[in-house]
Amino acid sequence: GNDGEERRVSKMNLVDLAGSEKISSSHKDATTKDGIQINKSLSALGRVIQSLADLSTAAAKRASGGGAHLRSGSTSGVNHVAYRDSVLTWLLKENLGGNSRTTMI
C-alpha cells in the first residue's frame, strides 16, 4: 500500500561531446567522418536548445501579457522542437525538455 510516502525517480546521463583532438594519418578518414558526425550532432543540439529557449520566451511573454497579439498556442513561429534530427538530441529529449534540470559543463 501507499503510506503517504513520496517517491522520486532520478535519471542521469553523462555525455562526452568532445571528439578526437589528434588525427593520425592511418585513421584520418574514419576520424574525420566521426568528427563530421559529432559536429552535426552538436549543431542539432544547438538548434534544439534554441527552439526550447524560444518556446520558453514566448510562454513567458504570454504569461506576462506581452504576447497578447499571439494566437493561443502560437509561439512566434516555433511549433516544433526537432529532437529527431540526431541520435544525440533524441537520446537527450527527456533531459532537455519537460520537467528536468540540465547542466552542461
Foldseek 3Di string as FASTA:
>chain_A
DDPVDDDDDDDDDDDDLDADPDDDPVCNVVSVVVVVLSVQVVVLVVQLLVLVVLQVVQVVCVVVVNNPVDDVQDRPPRDDRCQVSHPVSVVCVVQRDDPHDDDDD
